[in-house]
Amino acid sequence: MFIMCNEKFEPVIRFAVMSDIHIKDEHTVERDRMVKGINDAYKIAESHESYKSLDALVLDGDFANSGSEEQFLAVKKICDDNLKDGTELIASVASHEYNTGSGAMEAAWEKLRRIFGTEPDV
């Protein structure tokens, strides 16, 4: 079956992807760069003629420098403080979130669940 659609329909999805941010326990320039990246993504989205939304921010691993609790919490706070309603946060962990020693992968998954409220896709 063929369905006709309005010729003016323009399917759009807009998202930003960040990786290798390497947020540290202390406040360093990486936190400011992450905030700027989020704000820049909104500026680009809002400058579009017809579709002004940012549907999602994807954190594609290595958002933390060593995977400490403080780093996970700092990234979550940056997102909570800067993402607007309607923007979904999608976070995945990679090698730097696992840098905390024995059992680090499971610990990173636990922090992803507890702090970001999402299940790892394993």
C-alpha atoms as a PDB file:
ATOM      1  CA  MET A   1       0.000   0.000   0.000  1.00  0.00           C
ATOM      2  CA  PHE A   2       1.321   3.459  -0.895  1.00  0.00           C
ATOM      3  CA  ILE A   3       0.398   6.383   1.313  1.00  0.00           C
ATOM      4  CA  MET A   4       0.480   9.886  -0.107  1.00  0.00           C
ATOM      5  CA  CYS A   5       1.790  12.581   2.150  1.00  0.00           C
ATOM      6  CA  ASN A   6       1.708  16.312   1.978  1.00  0.00           C
ATOM      7  CA  GLU A   7       4.491  17.449  -0.365  1.00  0.00           C
ATOM      8  CA  LYS A   8       5.354  20.203   2.113  1.00  0.00           C
ATOM      9  CA  PHE A   9       6.088  17.669   4.852  1.00  0.00           C
ATOM     10  CA  GLU A  10       9.749  17.830   5.817  1.00  0.00           C
ATOM     11  CA  PRO A  11      10.748  15.144   8.327  1.00  0.00           C
ATOM     12  CA  VAL A  12      13.284  16.577  10.745  1.00  0.00           C
ATOM     13  CA  ILE A  13      15.111  15.289  13.752  1.00  0.00           C
ATOM     14  CA  ARG A  14      17.824  17.376  15.295  1.00  0.00           C
ATOM     15  CA  PHE A  15      20.308  16.186  17.875  1.00  0.00           C
ATOM     16  CA  ALA A  16      23.798  17.018  19.065  1.00  0.00           C
ATOM     17  CA  VAL A  17      26.461  14.450  19.873  1.00  0.00           C
ATOM     18  CA  MET A  18      29.327  15.018  22.287  1.00  0.00           C
ATOM     19  CA  SER A  19      32.086  12.615  23.191  1.00  0.00           C
ATOM     20  CA  ASP A  20      35.449  12.712  24.920  1.00  0.00           C
ATOM     21  CA  ILE A  21      34.482  15.643  27.123  1.00  0.00           C
ATOM     22  CA  HIS A  22      36.598  14.320  30.026  1.00  0.00           C
ATOM     23  CA  ILE A  23      34.955  16.171  32.915  1.00  0.00           C
ATOM     24  CA  LYS A  24      37.252  16.083  35.951  1.00  0.00           C
ATOM     25  CA  ASP A  25      36.427  16.115  39.674  1.00  0.00           C
ATOM     26  CA  GLU A  26      37.392  19.774  39.979  1.00  0.00           C
ATOM     27  CA  HIS A  27      35.961  22.564  37.840  1.00  0.00           C
ATOM     28  CA  THR A  28      38.146  22.890  34.737  1.00  0.00           C
ATOM     29  CA  VAL A  29      37.643  24.302  31.246  1.00  0.00           C
ATOM     30  CA  GLU A  30      35.954  21.080  30.084  1.00  0.00           C
ATOM     31  CA  ARG A  31      32.817  21.970  32.045  1.00  0.00           C
ATOM     32  CA  ASP A  32      32.671  25.392  30.408  1.00  0.00           C
ATOM     33  CA  ARG A  33      33.193  23.821  26.974  1.00  0.00           C
ATOM     34  CA  MET A  34      30.341  21.383  27.545  1.00  0.00           C
ATOM     35  CA  VAL A  35      27.978  24.199  28.522  1.00  0.00           C
ATOM     36  CA  LYS A  36      29.077  26.189  25.473  1.00  0.00           C
ATOM     37  CA  GLY A  37      28.505  23.173  23.224  1.00  0.00           C
ATOM     38  CA  ILE A  38      24.958  22.750  24.521  1.00  0.00           C
ATOM     39  CA  ASN A  39      24.224  26.472  24.121  1.00  0.00           C
ATOM     40  CA  ASP A  40      25.692  26.480  20.600  1.00  0.00           C
ATOM     41  CA  ALA A  41      23.495  23.511  19.633  1.00  0.00           C
ATOM     42  CA  TYR A  42      20.420  25.432  20.773  1.00  0.00           C
ATOM     43  CA  LYS A  43      21.513  28.537  18.851  1.00  0.00           C
ATOM     44  CA  ILE A  44      21.875  26.504  15.657  1.00  0.00           C
ATOM     45  CA  ALA A  45      18.507  24.808  16.197  1.00  0.00           C
ATOM     46  CA  GLU A  46      16.689  28.040  17.009  1.00  0.00           C
ATOM     47  CA  SER A  47      18.092  29.780  13.927  1.00  0.00           C
ATOM     48  CA  HIS A  48      16.399  27.305  11.562  1.00  0.00           C
ATOM     49  CA  GLU A  49      13.546  28.703   9.515  1.00  0.00           C
ATOM     50  CA  SER A  50      10.913  26.147  10.471  1.00  0.00           C
ATOM     51  CA  TYR A  51      12.231  23.577  12.976  1.00  0.00           C
ATOM     52  CA  LYS A  52      13.656  25.187  16.084  1.00  0.00           C
ATOM     53  CA  SER A  53      13.936  22.198  18.424  1.00  0.00           C
ATOM     54  CA  LEU A  54      16.886  20.220  19.717  1.00  0.00           C
ATOM     55  CA  ASP A  55      15.403  16.753  20.134  1.00  0.00           C
ATOM     56  CA  ALA A  56      18.282  15.098  21.951  1.00  0.00           C
ATOM     57  CA  LEU A  57      21.772  15.439  23.328  1.00  0.00           C
ATOM     58  CA  VAL A  58      23.799  12.257  22.959  1.00  0.00           C
ATOM     59  CA  LEU A  59      26.802  11.781  25.226  1.00  0.00           C
ATOM     60  CA  ASP A  60      28.784   9.136  23.383  1.00  0.00           C
ATOM     61  CA  GLY A  61      31.174   8.009  26.080  1.00  0.00           C
ATOM     62  CA  ASP A  62      34.236   9.410  27.796  1.00  0.00           C
ATOM     63  CA  PHE A  63      32.174  12.251  29.232  1.00  0.00           C
ATOM     64  CA  ALA A  64      34.045  11.561  32.489  1.00  0.00           C
ATOM     65  CA  ASN A  65      37.812  11.628  32.842  1.00  0.00           C
ATOM     66  CA  SER A  66      38.122   8.674  35.223  1.00  0.00           C
ATOM     67  CA  GLY A  67      34.558   7.637  36.037  1.00  0.00           C
ATOM     68  CA  SER A  68      34.347   9.022  39.563  1.00  0.00           C
ATOM     69  CA  GLU A  69      31.041   9.727  41.256  1.00  0.00           C
ATOM     70  CA  GLU A  70      31.867  13.467  41.224  1.00  0.00           C
ATOM     71  CA  GLN A  71      32.360  13.417  37.448  1.00  0.00           C
ATOM     72  CA  PHE A  72      29.075  11.616  36.749  1.00  0.00           C
ATOM     73  CA  LEU A  73      27.258  14.062  39.045  1.00  0.00           C
ATOM     74  CA  ALA A  74      28.930  17.075  37.407  1.00  0.00           C
ATOM     75  CA  VAL A  75      27.880  15.962  33.914  1.00  0.00           C
ATOM     76  CA  LYS A  76      24.323  15.317  35.083  1.00  0.00           C
ATOM     77  CA  LYS A  77      24.182  18.758  36.724  1.00  0.00           C
ATOM     78  CA  ILE A  78      25.440  20.451  33.549  1.00  0.00           C
ATOM     79  CA  CYS A  79      22.717  18.677  31.583  1.00  0.00           C
ATOM     80  CA  ASP A  80      20.005  19.432  34.151  1.00  0.00           C
ATOM     81  CA  ASP A  81      21.006  23.102  34.238  1.00  0.00           C
ATOM     82  CA  ASN A  82      21.295  23.596  30.479  1.00  0.00           C
ATOM     83  CA  LEU A  83      18.980  21.234  28.598  1.00  0.00           C
ATOM     84  CA  LYS A  84      15.571  22.661  27.792  1.00  0.00           C
ATOM     85  CA  ASP A  85      12.244  20.876  28.085  1.00  0.00           C
ATOM     86  CA  GLY A  86      11.767  18.569  25.123  1.00  0.00           C
ATOM     87  CA  THR A  87      15.452  17.689  24.743  1.00  0.00           C
ATOM     88  CA  GLU A  88      16.141  14.068  25.627  1.00  0.00           C
ATOM     89  CA  LEU A  89      19.476  13.117  27.168  1.00  0.00           C
ATOM     90  CA  ILE A  90      20.993   9.883  25.849  1.00  0.00           C
ATOM     91  CA  ALA A  91      24.195   8.859  27.631  1.00  0.00           C
ATOM     92  CA  SER A  92      26.528   5.945  27.063  1.00  0.00           C
ATOM     93  CA  VAL A  93      29.658   4.978  28.921  1.00  0.00           C
ATOM     94  CA  ALA A  94      33.050   4.124  27.449  1.00  0.00           C
ATOM     95  CA  SER A  95      36.579   3.415  28.634  1.00  0.00           C
ATOM     96  CA  HIS A  96      37.080   6.554  30.729  1.00  0.00           C
ATOM     97  CA  GLU A  97      33.931   5.910  32.759  1.00  0.00           C
ATOM     98  CA  TYR A  98      35.513   2.526  33.648  1.00  0.00           C
ATOM     99  CA  ASN A  99      38.857   3.903  34.930  1.00  0.00           C
ATOM    100  CA  THR A 100      38.130   3.310  38.618  1.00  0.00           C
ATOM    101  CA  GLY A 101      39.707  -0.156  39.041  1.00  0.00           C
ATOM    102  CA  SER A 102      38.360  -3.649  39.606  1.00  0.00           C
ATOM    103  CA  GLY A 103      34.660  -3.982  38.849  1.00  0.00           C
ATOM    104  CA  ALA A 104      34.731  -0.600  37.127  1.00  0.00           C
ATOM    105  CA  MET A 105      32.421  -1.544  34.258  1.00  0.00           C
ATOM    106  CA  GLU A 106      29.660  -2.674  36.598  1.00  0.00           C
ATOM    107  CA  ALA A 107      30.245   0.419  38.760  1.00  0.00           C
ATOM    108  CA  ALA A 108      29.890   2.677  35.701  1.00  0.00           C
ATOM    109  CA  TRP A 109      26.638   0.956  34.759  1.00  0.00           C
ATOM    110  CA  GLU A 110      25.351   1.394  38.316  1.00  0.00           C
ATOM    111  CA  LYS A 111      26.163   5.136  38.217  1.00  0.00           C
ATOM    112  CA  LEU A 112      24.514   5.428  34.793  1.00  0.00           C
ATOM    113  CA  ARG A 113      21.361   3.848  36.235  1.00  0.00           C
ATOM    114  CA  ARG A 114      21.341   5.796  39.495  1.00  0.00           C
ATOM    115  CA  ILE A 115      22.507   9.234  38.332  1.00  0.00           C
ATOM    116  CA  PHE A 116      21.195   9.391  34.755  1.00  0.00           C
ATOM    117  CA  GLY A 117      18.164   7.129  35.275  1.00  0.00           C
ATOM    118  CA  THR A 118      18.925   4.994  32.251  1.00  0.00           C
ATOM    119  CA  GLU A 119      19.785   1.359  31.709  1.00  0.00           C
ATOM    120  CA  PRO A 120      22.976   0.402  29.904  1.00  0.00           C
ATOM    121  CA  ASP A 121      22.334  -1.344  26.584  1.00  0.00           C
ATOM    122  CA  VAL A 122      24.534  -4.408  26.942  1.00  0.00           C
END
